[in-house]
N, C-alpha and C. Protein backbone atom coordinates (compact mmCIF):
# COMPACT_ATOMS: atom_id res chain seq x y z
N UNK A 1 -103.50 218.04 -117.05
CA UNK A 1 -104.41 217.28 -116.93
C UNK A 1 -105.65 218.05 -117.43
N UNK A 2 -106.59 217.48 -118.13
CA UNK A 2 -107.58 218.22 -118.88
C UNK A 2 -108.90 218.04 -118.26
N UNK A 3 -109.30 218.88 -117.57
CA UNK A 3 -110.83 218.93 -116.55
C UNK A 3 -111.98 219.43 -117.35
N UNK A 4 -111.77 220.04 -118.54
CA UNK A 4 -112.94 220.56 -119.30
C UNK A 4 -113.55 221.68 -118.62
N UNK A 5 -114.96 221.81 -119.00
CA UNK A 5 -115.56 223.20 -118.81
C UNK A 5 -116.96 222.68 -118.31
N UNK A 6 -117.17 222.79 -116.90
CA UNK A 6 -118.74 222.04 -116.49
C UNK A 6 -119.41 223.54 -116.19
N UNK A 7 -120.72 222.97 -116.26
CA UNK A 7 -121.71 224.34 -116.16
C UNK A 7 -121.63 224.57 -114.60
N UNK A 8 -121.25 223.77 -113.71
CA UNK A 8 -121.08 224.29 -112.35
C UNK A 8 -119.63 223.55 -112.06
N UNK A 9 -119.23 224.10 -110.53
CA UNK A 9 -117.85 223.82 -110.29
C UNK A 9 -117.68 222.39 -109.68
N UNK A 10 -118.54 221.78 -109.43
CA UNK A 10 -118.56 220.19 -109.23
C UNK A 10 -118.84 219.49 -110.21
N UNK A 11 -119.43 219.78 -111.63
CA UNK A 11 -119.27 219.03 -112.44
C UNK A 11 -120.50 218.24 -112.44
N UNK A 12 -121.23 218.41 -111.63
CA UNK A 12 -122.35 217.33 -111.47
C UNK A 12 -122.48 216.51 -110.52
N UNK A 13 -121.15 216.29 -109.77
CA UNK A 13 -120.75 215.23 -108.89
C UNK A 13 -120.84 215.87 -107.36
N UNK A 14 -121.32 215.30 -106.59
CA UNK A 14 -121.08 215.43 -105.02
C UNK A 14 -119.39 215.72 -104.93
N UNK A 15 -119.05 216.95 -104.35
CA UNK A 15 -117.93 217.19 -103.95
C UNK A 15 -116.96 217.05 -105.20
N UNK A 16 -117.43 217.38 -106.40
CA UNK A 16 -116.74 217.22 -107.68
C UNK A 16 -115.31 218.31 -107.65
N UNK A 17 -115.91 219.30 -107.36
CA UNK A 17 -114.71 220.23 -107.19
C UNK A 17 -113.29 219.76 -106.31
N UNK A 18 -113.79 219.42 -105.06
CA UNK A 18 -112.78 218.73 -104.21
C UNK A 18 -112.09 217.52 -104.96
N UNK A 19 -112.81 216.80 -105.54
CA UNK A 19 -112.28 215.48 -106.13
C UNK A 19 -111.30 216.05 -107.25
N UNK A 20 -111.46 216.86 -108.02
CA UNK A 20 -111.15 217.46 -109.05
C UNK A 20 -109.50 218.16 -108.78
N UNK A 21 -109.67 218.89 -107.77
CA UNK A 21 -108.24 219.60 -107.35
C UNK A 21 -107.37 218.49 -106.50
N UNK A 22 -108.05 217.45 -105.99
CA UNK A 22 -107.22 216.35 -105.43
C UNK A 22 -106.58 215.43 -106.65
N UNK A 23 -107.27 215.27 -107.66
CA UNK A 23 -106.89 214.71 -109.21
C UNK A 23 -105.75 215.41 -109.50
N UNK A 24 -106.15 216.73 -109.49
CA UNK A 24 -104.87 217.51 -110.22
C UNK A 24 -103.51 217.74 -109.38
N UNK A 25 -103.79 217.65 -107.97
CA UNK A 25 -102.84 217.72 -107.27
C UNK A 25 -101.79 216.32 -107.49
N UNK A 26 -102.46 215.33 -107.33
CA UNK A 26 -101.89 214.14 -107.65
C UNK A 26 -100.93 214.10 -108.86
N UNK A 27 -101.45 214.47 -109.93
CA UNK A 27 -100.91 214.52 -111.16
C UNK A 27 -100.08 215.63 -111.51
N UNK A 28 -100.33 216.84 -110.86
CA UNK A 28 -99.56 217.74 -111.41
C UNK A 28 -98.39 218.25 -110.61
N UNK A 29 -97.12 218.57 -111.36
CA UNK A 29 -96.05 218.88 -110.89
C UNK A 29 -95.69 219.73 -109.87
N UNK A 30 -96.64 220.75 -109.79
CA UNK A 30 -96.17 221.69 -108.91
C UNK A 30 -97.37 221.82 -107.79
N UNK A 31 -98.32 221.11 -107.83
CA UNK A 31 -99.45 221.11 -106.73
C UNK A 31 -99.03 220.62 -105.29
N UNK A 32 -99.90 221.33 -104.38
CA UNK A 32 -99.78 220.96 -102.96
C UNK A 32 -100.74 219.67 -102.74
N UNK A 33 -100.40 218.70 -103.05
CA UNK A 33 -100.83 217.37 -102.39
C UNK A 33 -101.28 216.83 -101.21
N UNK A 34 -100.48 217.54 -100.04
CA UNK A 34 -101.20 217.57 -98.93
C UNK A 34 -102.33 218.32 -98.53
N UNK A 35 -102.13 219.40 -99.22
CA UNK A 35 -103.42 220.33 -98.98
C UNK A 35 -104.53 219.53 -99.68
N UNK A 36 -104.58 219.30 -100.79
CA UNK A 36 -105.50 218.73 -101.39
C UNK A 36 -106.22 217.57 -100.78
N UNK A 37 -105.34 216.61 -100.25
CA UNK A 37 -105.83 215.63 -99.80
C UNK A 37 -106.30 215.80 -98.23
N UNK A 38 -106.10 216.65 -97.69
CA UNK A 38 -106.51 217.33 -96.16
C UNK A 38 -107.83 217.62 -96.74
N UNK A 39 -108.09 218.58 -97.83
CA UNK A 39 -109.70 219.05 -98.16
C UNK A 39 -110.44 217.96 -98.48
N UNK A 40 -110.03 216.91 -99.19
CA UNK A 40 -110.69 215.67 -99.51
C UNK A 40 -110.95 214.95 -98.52
N UNK A 41 -110.32 214.65 -97.22
CA UNK A 41 -110.56 213.98 -95.97
C UNK A 41 -111.51 214.68 -95.56
N UNK A 42 -111.68 216.26 -95.36
CA UNK A 42 -112.47 217.00 -94.93
C UNK A 42 -113.90 216.84 -95.12
N UNK A 43 -113.91 216.89 -96.83
CA UNK A 43 -114.93 216.48 -97.19
C UNK A 43 -115.76 215.32 -97.45
N UNK A 44 -114.66 214.35 -97.45
CA UNK A 44 -115.33 212.97 -98.01
C UNK A 44 -114.94 212.22 -96.95
N UNK A 45 -113.88 212.24 -96.06
CA UNK A 45 -113.52 211.28 -95.05
C UNK A 45 -112.44 210.22 -95.73
N UNK A 46 -111.62 209.71 -94.73
CA UNK A 46 -110.60 209.05 -95.23
C UNK A 46 -110.85 208.02 -96.19
N UNK A 47 -111.72 207.08 -96.09
CA UNK A 47 -112.05 206.03 -97.02
C UNK A 47 -112.28 206.57 -98.25
N UNK A 48 -112.94 207.37 -98.60
CA UNK A 48 -112.99 207.79 -99.82
C UNK A 48 -112.13 208.61 -100.56
N UNK A 49 -111.37 209.08 -99.78
CA UNK A 49 -109.99 209.90 -100.23
C UNK A 49 -109.18 208.93 -100.86
N UNK A 50 -108.99 207.80 -99.95
CA UNK A 50 -108.12 206.49 -100.46
C UNK A 50 -108.76 205.97 -101.67
N UNK A 51 -109.89 205.74 -101.93
CA UNK A 51 -110.73 205.26 -103.22
C UNK A 51 -110.37 206.41 -104.03
N UNK A 52 -110.52 207.80 -104.03
CA UNK A 52 -110.07 208.67 -105.11
C UNK A 52 -108.72 208.62 -105.61
N UNK A 53 -107.72 208.35 -104.74
CA UNK A 53 -106.34 208.22 -104.88
C UNK A 53 -106.27 206.99 -106.11
N UNK A 54 -106.92 206.06 -105.47
CA UNK A 54 -106.73 204.63 -106.04
C UNK A 54 -107.38 204.94 -107.59
N UNK A 55 -108.14 205.43 -107.67
CA UNK A 55 -108.84 205.87 -109.03
C UNK A 55 -108.04 206.67 -109.97
N UNK A 56 -107.57 207.47 -109.45
CA UNK A 56 -106.59 208.60 -110.23
C UNK A 56 -105.35 207.62 -110.49
N UNK A 57 -104.86 206.82 -109.65
CA UNK A 57 -103.85 206.01 -110.00
C UNK A 57 -103.89 205.07 -111.01
N UNK A 58 -105.05 204.35 -110.86
CA UNK A 58 -105.45 203.46 -111.84
C UNK A 58 -105.60 203.77 -113.21
N UNK A 59 -106.24 205.20 -113.49
CA UNK A 59 -106.15 205.69 -114.88
C UNK A 59 -105.09 206.01 -115.25
N UNK A 60 -104.32 206.77 -114.31
CA UNK A 60 -103.08 207.25 -114.70
C UNK A 60 -102.00 205.77 -115.35
N UNK A 61 -101.95 204.97 -114.55
CA UNK A 61 -101.44 203.78 -115.21
C UNK A 61 -101.84 203.19 -116.43
N UNK A 62 -103.09 203.12 -116.58
CA UNK A 62 -103.81 202.67 -117.91
C UNK A 62 -103.37 203.72 -118.94
N UNK A 63 -103.59 205.08 -118.72
CA UNK A 63 -103.08 205.91 -119.70
C UNK A 63 -101.54 205.75 -120.41
N UNK A 64 -100.77 205.61 -119.17
CA UNK A 64 -99.26 205.22 -119.38
C UNK A 64 -98.89 204.21 -120.13
N UNK A 65 -99.77 203.09 -119.80
CA UNK A 65 -99.62 201.61 -120.80
C UNK A 65 -99.93 202.01 -122.08
N UNK A 66 -101.29 202.52 -122.27
CA UNK A 66 -101.55 202.95 -123.77
C UNK A 66 -100.63 203.85 -124.37
N UNK A 67 -100.27 204.89 -123.81
CA UNK A 67 -99.40 205.54 -124.64
C UNK A 67 -97.78 204.86 -125.09
N UNK A 68 -97.28 204.14 -124.12
CA UNK A 68 -96.01 203.58 -124.14
C UNK A 68 -96.35 202.39 -125.08
N UNK A 69 -97.48 201.90 -125.55
CA UNK A 69 -97.78 200.80 -126.54
C UNK A 69 -98.13 201.45 -127.79
N UNK A 70 -98.15 202.80 -127.81
CA UNK A 70 -98.87 203.62 -129.11
C UNK A 70 -100.36 203.25 -129.37
N UNK A 71 -101.00 202.81 -128.57
CA UNK A 71 -102.44 202.76 -128.87
C UNK A 71 -103.05 204.18 -128.98
N UNK A 72 -103.74 204.00 -130.22
CA UNK A 72 -104.24 205.29 -130.68
C UNK A 72 -105.65 205.51 -130.11
N UNK A 73 -106.24 206.71 -130.29
CA UNK A 73 -107.51 207.14 -129.51
C UNK A 73 -108.67 206.49 -130.57
N UNK A 74 -109.67 206.36 -130.00
CA UNK A 74 -110.82 205.70 -130.64
C UNK A 74 -111.36 206.91 -131.24
N UNK A 75 -112.26 206.57 -132.61
CA UNK A 75 -112.61 207.72 -133.27
C UNK A 75 -113.79 209.01 -132.59
N UNK A 76 -114.30 208.37 -131.34
CA UNK A 76 -115.18 209.30 -130.91
C UNK A 76 -114.22 210.24 -130.26
N UNK A 77 -113.62 209.76 -129.27
CA UNK A 77 -112.51 210.62 -128.61
C UNK A 77 -111.55 211.59 -129.51
N UNK A 78 -111.10 211.11 -130.65
CA UNK A 78 -110.51 211.94 -131.64
C UNK A 78 -111.17 213.07 -132.22
N UNK A 79 -112.52 212.75 -132.36
CA UNK A 79 -113.51 213.61 -132.85
C UNK A 79 -113.84 214.67 -132.13
N UNK A 80 -114.00 214.32 -130.86
CA UNK A 80 -114.06 215.19 -129.71
C UNK A 80 -113.30 216.37 -129.12
N UNK A 81 -112.08 216.08 -129.94
CA UNK A 81 -110.91 217.04 -129.61
C UNK A 81 -109.90 216.27 -129.01
N UNK A 82 -109.65 214.96 -128.82
CA UNK A 82 -108.66 214.61 -128.19
C UNK A 82 -107.41 214.59 -129.06
N UNK A 83 -107.32 214.74 -130.46
CA UNK A 83 -106.06 214.90 -131.00
C UNK A 83 -105.66 216.22 -130.97
N UNK A 84 -106.34 217.27 -130.75
CA UNK A 84 -105.83 218.66 -130.63
C UNK A 84 -105.40 218.57 -129.18
N UNK A 85 -106.01 218.20 -127.86
CA UNK A 85 -105.38 218.24 -126.67
C UNK A 85 -103.86 217.46 -126.84
N UNK A 86 -103.91 216.22 -127.57
CA UNK A 86 -102.51 215.63 -127.49
C UNK A 86 -101.19 216.67 -128.17
N UNK A 87 -101.79 217.14 -129.01
CA UNK A 87 -100.97 218.00 -129.98
C UNK A 87 -100.63 219.22 -128.98
N UNK A 88 -101.56 220.10 -128.39
CA UNK A 88 -101.58 221.25 -127.40
C UNK A 88 -100.48 220.84 -126.28
N UNK A 89 -100.58 219.74 -125.96
CA UNK A 89 -99.79 219.01 -124.72
C UNK A 89 -98.50 218.49 -124.82
N UNK A 90 -98.31 218.29 -126.19
CA UNK A 90 -96.89 217.71 -126.74
C UNK A 90 -96.89 216.17 -126.74
N UNK A 91 -98.07 215.73 -126.37
CA UNK A 91 -97.94 214.36 -126.05
C UNK A 91 -97.85 213.34 -127.17
N UNK A 92 -97.94 214.07 -128.48
CA UNK A 92 -97.82 212.92 -129.52
C UNK A 92 -96.32 212.36 -129.97
N UNK A 93 -95.31 212.77 -129.02
CA UNK A 93 -93.90 212.15 -128.92
C UNK A 93 -93.99 210.97 -128.37
N UNK A 94 -95.12 210.66 -127.21
CA UNK A 94 -94.95 209.50 -126.27
C UNK A 94 -95.27 208.29 -126.99
N UNK A 95 -95.72 207.87 -128.39
CA UNK A 95 -95.96 206.85 -129.05
C UNK A 95 -94.65 206.49 -129.47
N UNK A 96 -93.75 207.32 -129.59
CA UNK A 96 -92.41 206.89 -130.21
C UNK A 96 -91.82 206.31 -129.26
N UNK A 97 -91.82 206.29 -128.14
CA UNK A 97 -90.98 205.41 -127.05
C UNK A 97 -91.24 204.07 -127.32
N UNK A 98 -92.19 203.63 -128.17
CA UNK A 98 -92.24 202.18 -128.39
C UNK A 98 -90.88 201.48 -129.20
N UNK A 99 -90.36 202.69 -130.11
CA UNK A 99 -89.46 202.19 -130.82
C UNK A 99 -88.11 201.97 -130.27
């Protein structure tokens, strides 16, 4: 997961650092999801933590569908470094899944 470089650790979002760690834990192969979820519940409460997990799952699902169908990046994302990120992470092969 690419999280970018924000001027502050929260990225300008209330509890953004906690939310980022939770999203990374959900999507990361080696992350401690239980710990990240507990931190998120402590900071935001159970309802907001469930909403955060739902948002992560929704975006992940949308990305998987787009990758599987071979949908290419829009010009703005591509010009902003999207193609480079795809190459660095080795994701260019995912479009081949449609063949």
